Amino acid sequence: MTQLRDYLKDSRKTPSALAKELGVQPSTITRIVRGERQPSARLARRIAHATGLALAVLRPDVYGPMPDHRPDNASAEPAA
């Protein structure tokens, strides 16, 4: 997950440090960062609170796409 990787890099925080803050195993955060697993909805809320990342970034299937996302069939202009 690129955004979480960027957060860790920018904040100079290790996956282990974030895991400790969240009360999860370091391997959980590492696997999420690598894209090997998704956080549960509950863990996504905790990660969002700790990092400031949007829930839609962490779990778009649960919380919906980012607000500027348009479905492939959406046009830029409203239908008349």
N, C-alpha and C. Protein backbone atom coordinates (compact mmCIF):
# COMPACT_ATOMS: atom_id res chain seq x y z
N MET A 1 0.85 -1.17 0.00
CA MET A 1 0.00 0.00 0.00
C MET A 1 0.90 1.24 0.00
N THR A 2 0.92 1.91 -1.11
CA THR A 2 1.84 3.01 -1.34
C THR A 2 1.66 4.14 -0.32
N GLN A 3 0.43 4.51 -0.03
CA GLN A 3 0.20 5.64 0.88
C GLN A 3 0.72 5.34 2.29
N LEU A 4 0.52 4.12 2.75
CA LEU A 4 1.02 3.77 4.08
C LEU A 4 2.55 3.70 4.07
N ARG A 5 3.12 3.19 3.00
CA ARG A 5 4.58 3.16 2.87
C ARG A 5 5.12 4.59 2.89
N ASP A 6 4.47 5.48 2.15
CA ASP A 6 4.90 6.89 2.13
C ASP A 6 4.79 7.52 3.52
N TYR A 7 3.70 7.23 4.23
CA TYR A 7 3.53 7.76 5.58
C TYR A 7 4.69 7.31 6.47
N LEU A 8 5.01 6.03 6.42
CA LEU A 8 6.09 5.51 7.27
C LEU A 8 7.41 6.18 6.91
N LYS A 9 7.67 6.33 5.63
CA LYS A 9 8.92 6.95 5.20
C LYS A 9 8.98 8.42 5.64
N ASP A 10 7.90 9.16 5.36
CA ASP A 10 7.87 10.59 5.68
C ASP A 10 7.94 10.85 7.18
N SER A 11 7.32 9.98 7.96
CA SER A 11 7.31 10.17 9.42
C SER A 11 8.52 9.52 10.09
N ARG A 12 9.34 8.83 9.27
CA ARG A 12 10.51 8.12 9.79
C ARG A 12 10.12 7.12 10.88
N LYS A 13 8.99 6.48 10.65
CA LYS A 13 8.47 5.49 11.57
C LYS A 13 8.63 4.11 10.94
N THR A 14 8.98 3.14 11.73
CA THR A 14 9.10 1.78 11.22
C THR A 14 7.74 1.07 11.30
N PRO A 15 7.56 0.03 10.49
CA PRO A 15 6.34 -0.76 10.65
C PRO A 15 6.19 -1.29 12.08
N SER A 16 7.30 -1.64 12.70
CA SER A 16 7.25 -2.14 14.08
C SER A 16 6.73 -1.07 15.04
N ALA A 17 7.18 0.16 14.86
CA ALA A 17 6.73 1.24 15.73
C ALA A 17 5.24 1.51 15.56
N LEU A 18 4.78 1.52 14.32
CA LEU A 18 3.35 1.72 14.07
C LEU A 18 2.56 0.55 14.64
N ALA A 19 3.05 -0.66 14.46
CA ALA A 19 2.38 -1.84 14.99
C ALA A 19 2.25 -1.75 16.51
N LYS A 20 3.31 -1.34 17.17
CA LYS A 20 3.27 -1.21 18.63
C LYS A 20 2.24 -0.18 19.04
N GLU A 21 2.19 0.93 18.32
CA GLU A 21 1.22 2.00 18.60
C GLU A 21 -0.22 1.48 18.44
N LEU A 22 -0.42 0.60 17.47
CA LEU A 22 -1.76 0.08 17.18
C LEU A 22 -2.10 -1.18 17.95
N GLY A 23 -1.09 -1.78 18.58
CA GLY A 23 -1.32 -3.01 19.33
C GLY A 23 -1.49 -4.23 18.46
N VAL A 24 -0.77 -4.26 17.33
CA VAL A 24 -0.81 -5.42 16.43
C VAL A 24 0.61 -5.92 16.21
N GLN A 25 0.72 -7.08 15.59
CA GLN A 25 2.03 -7.66 15.29
C GLN A 25 2.71 -6.85 14.18
N PRO A 26 4.02 -6.66 14.26
CA PRO A 26 4.73 -5.96 13.19
C PRO A 26 4.50 -6.59 11.81
N SER A 27 4.39 -7.91 11.76
CA SER A 27 4.16 -8.57 10.47
C SER A 27 2.83 -8.15 9.85
N THR A 28 1.86 -7.80 10.67
CA THR A 28 0.57 -7.33 10.15
C THR A 28 0.77 -6.06 9.34
N ILE A 29 1.48 -5.10 9.90
CA ILE A 29 1.71 -3.83 9.20
C ILE A 29 2.59 -4.07 7.97
N THR A 30 3.61 -4.88 8.11
CA THR A 30 4.50 -5.17 6.97
C THR A 30 3.72 -5.78 5.82
N ARG A 31 2.83 -6.72 6.10
CA ARG A 31 2.04 -7.36 5.04
C ARG A 31 1.06 -6.39 4.40
N ILE A 32 0.52 -5.47 5.18
CA ILE A 32 -0.38 -4.45 4.63
C ILE A 32 0.40 -3.52 3.71
N VAL A 33 1.56 -3.08 4.16
CA VAL A 33 2.41 -2.19 3.35
C VAL A 33 2.79 -2.86 2.04
N ARG A 34 3.11 -4.14 2.08
CA ARG A 34 3.51 -4.88 0.87
C ARG A 34 2.32 -5.21 -0.04
N GLY A 35 1.11 -5.00 0.44
CA GLY A 35 -0.07 -5.33 -0.35
C GLY A 35 -0.43 -6.80 -0.28
N GLU A 36 0.12 -7.51 0.68
CA GLU A 36 -0.15 -8.94 0.82
C GLU A 36 -1.46 -9.21 1.55
N ARG A 37 -1.96 -8.21 2.25
CA ARG A 37 -3.26 -8.33 2.93
C ARG A 37 -3.86 -6.96 3.10
N GLN A 38 -5.16 -6.93 3.34
CA GLN A 38 -5.84 -5.68 3.64
C GLN A 38 -6.11 -5.64 5.13
N PRO A 39 -6.13 -4.44 5.70
CA PRO A 39 -6.51 -4.37 7.12
C PRO A 39 -8.00 -4.65 7.25
N SER A 40 -8.39 -5.18 8.38
CA SER A 40 -9.82 -5.29 8.66
C SER A 40 -10.40 -3.88 8.71
N ALA A 41 -11.71 -3.77 8.62
CA ALA A 41 -12.33 -2.44 8.70
C ALA A 41 -11.97 -1.76 10.02
N ARG A 42 -11.95 -2.54 11.09
CA ARG A 42 -11.60 -1.98 12.41
C ARG A 42 -10.15 -1.49 12.43
N LEU A 43 -9.23 -2.31 11.93
CA LEU A 43 -7.83 -1.92 11.90
C LEU A 43 -7.62 -0.74 10.96
N ALA A 44 -8.35 -0.69 9.86
CA ALA A 44 -8.24 0.45 8.94
C ALA A 44 -8.61 1.74 9.66
N ARG A 45 -9.65 1.70 10.49
CA ARG A 45 -10.03 2.91 11.26
C ARG A 45 -8.92 3.31 12.22
N ARG A 46 -8.29 2.33 12.85
CA ARG A 46 -7.20 2.62 13.78
C ARG A 46 -5.98 3.19 13.05
N ILE A 47 -5.66 2.61 11.89
CA ILE A 47 -4.55 3.12 11.09
C ILE A 47 -4.84 4.54 10.63
N ALA A 48 -6.06 4.78 10.16
CA ALA A 48 -6.45 6.12 9.70
C ALA A 48 -6.30 7.13 10.83
N HIS A 49 -6.74 6.76 12.01
CA HIS A 49 -6.65 7.68 13.16
C HIS A 49 -5.19 7.98 13.51
N ALA A 50 -4.35 6.96 13.46
CA ALA A 50 -2.94 7.12 13.83
C ALA A 50 -2.12 7.84 12.77
N THR A 51 -2.49 7.69 11.50
CA THR A 51 -1.66 8.21 10.41
C THR A 51 -2.25 9.41 9.68
N GLY A 52 -3.55 9.60 9.80
CA GLY A 52 -4.21 10.66 9.04
C GLY A 52 -4.58 10.25 7.62
N LEU A 53 -4.34 8.99 7.27
CA LEU A 53 -4.73 8.50 5.95
C LEU A 53 -6.25 8.35 5.88
N ALA A 54 -6.79 8.55 4.71
CA ALA A 54 -8.23 8.42 4.51
C ALA A 54 -8.64 6.95 4.56
N LEU A 55 -9.80 6.69 5.16
CA LEU A 55 -10.31 5.32 5.19
C LEU A 55 -10.49 4.76 3.79
N ALA A 56 -10.89 5.60 2.85
CA ALA A 56 -11.09 5.14 1.47
C ALA A 56 -9.78 4.69 0.83
N VAL A 57 -8.66 5.20 1.30
CA VAL A 57 -7.36 4.75 0.80
C VAL A 57 -7.04 3.36 1.37
N LEU A 58 -7.36 3.18 2.63
CA LEU A 58 -7.02 1.93 3.31
C LEU A 58 -7.95 0.78 2.94
N ARG A 59 -9.24 1.07 2.76
CA ARG A 59 -10.22 0.04 2.42
C ARG A 59 -11.29 0.61 1.50
N PRO A 60 -10.98 0.86 0.24
CA PRO A 60 -11.97 1.42 -0.67
C PRO A 60 -13.18 0.51 -0.88
N ASP A 61 -13.00 -0.80 -0.69
CA ASP A 61 -14.12 -1.72 -0.85
C ASP A 61 -15.15 -1.57 0.27
N VAL A 62 -14.74 -1.05 1.41
CA VAL A 62 -15.64 -0.86 2.55
C VAL A 62 -16.10 0.59 2.64
N TYR A 63 -15.17 1.52 2.46
CA TYR A 63 -15.46 2.93 2.70
C TYR A 63 -15.67 3.74 1.42
N GLY A 64 -15.62 3.08 0.28
CA GLY A 64 -15.87 3.76 -0.99
C GLY A 64 -14.60 4.36 -1.56
N PRO A 65 -14.65 4.69 -2.85
CA PRO A 65 -13.47 5.28 -3.50
C PRO A 65 -13.22 6.69 -2.98
N MET A 66 -12.03 7.18 -3.25
CA MET A 66 -11.71 8.55 -2.90
C MET A 66 -12.68 9.48 -3.59
N PRO A 67 -13.01 10.64 -3.00
CA PRO A 67 -14.03 11.53 -3.58
C PRO A 67 -13.78 11.97 -5.02
N ASP A 68 -12.53 12.07 -5.47
CA ASP A 68 -12.28 12.53 -6.83
C ASP A 68 -12.29 11.39 -7.84
N HIS A 69 -12.60 10.18 -7.39
CA HIS A 69 -12.63 9.02 -8.29
C HIS A 69 -13.96 8.99 -9.04
N ARG A 70 -13.87 8.77 -10.34
CA ARG A 70 -15.06 8.62 -11.15
C ARG A 70 -15.10 7.20 -11.70
N PRO A 71 -16.28 6.59 -11.71
CA PRO A 71 -16.36 5.28 -12.36
C PRO A 71 -15.99 5.40 -13.83
N ASP A 72 -15.55 4.31 -14.41
CA ASP A 72 -15.10 4.32 -15.80
C ASP A 72 -16.14 4.83 -16.78
N ASN A 73 -17.42 4.64 -16.47
CA ASN A 73 -18.45 5.04 -17.41
C ASN A 73 -19.02 6.44 -17.11
N ALA A 74 -18.47 7.14 -16.15
CA ALA A 74 -18.98 8.47 -15.82
C ALA A 74 -18.39 9.51 -16.77
N SER A 75 -19.22 10.42 -17.20
CA SER A 75 -18.72 11.49 -18.07
C SER A 75 -18.42 12.72 -17.24
N ALA A 76 -17.61 13.59 -17.78
CA ALA A 76 -17.23 14.81 -17.07
C ALA A 76 -18.37 15.82 -17.06
N GLU A 77 -19.30 15.69 -18.00
CA GLU A 77 -20.40 16.64 -18.10
C GLU A 77 -21.71 15.94 -17.72
N PRO A 78 -22.59 16.68 -17.02
CA PRO A 78 -23.86 16.07 -16.64
C PRO A 78 -24.74 15.82 -17.88
N ALA A 79 -25.56 14.81 -17.78
CA ALA A 79 -26.48 14.49 -18.88
C ALA A 79 -27.55 15.56 -19.01
N ALA A 80 -27.96 15.86 -20.24
CA ALA A 80 -28.97 16.90 -20.44
C ALA A 80 -30.35 16.36 -20.36
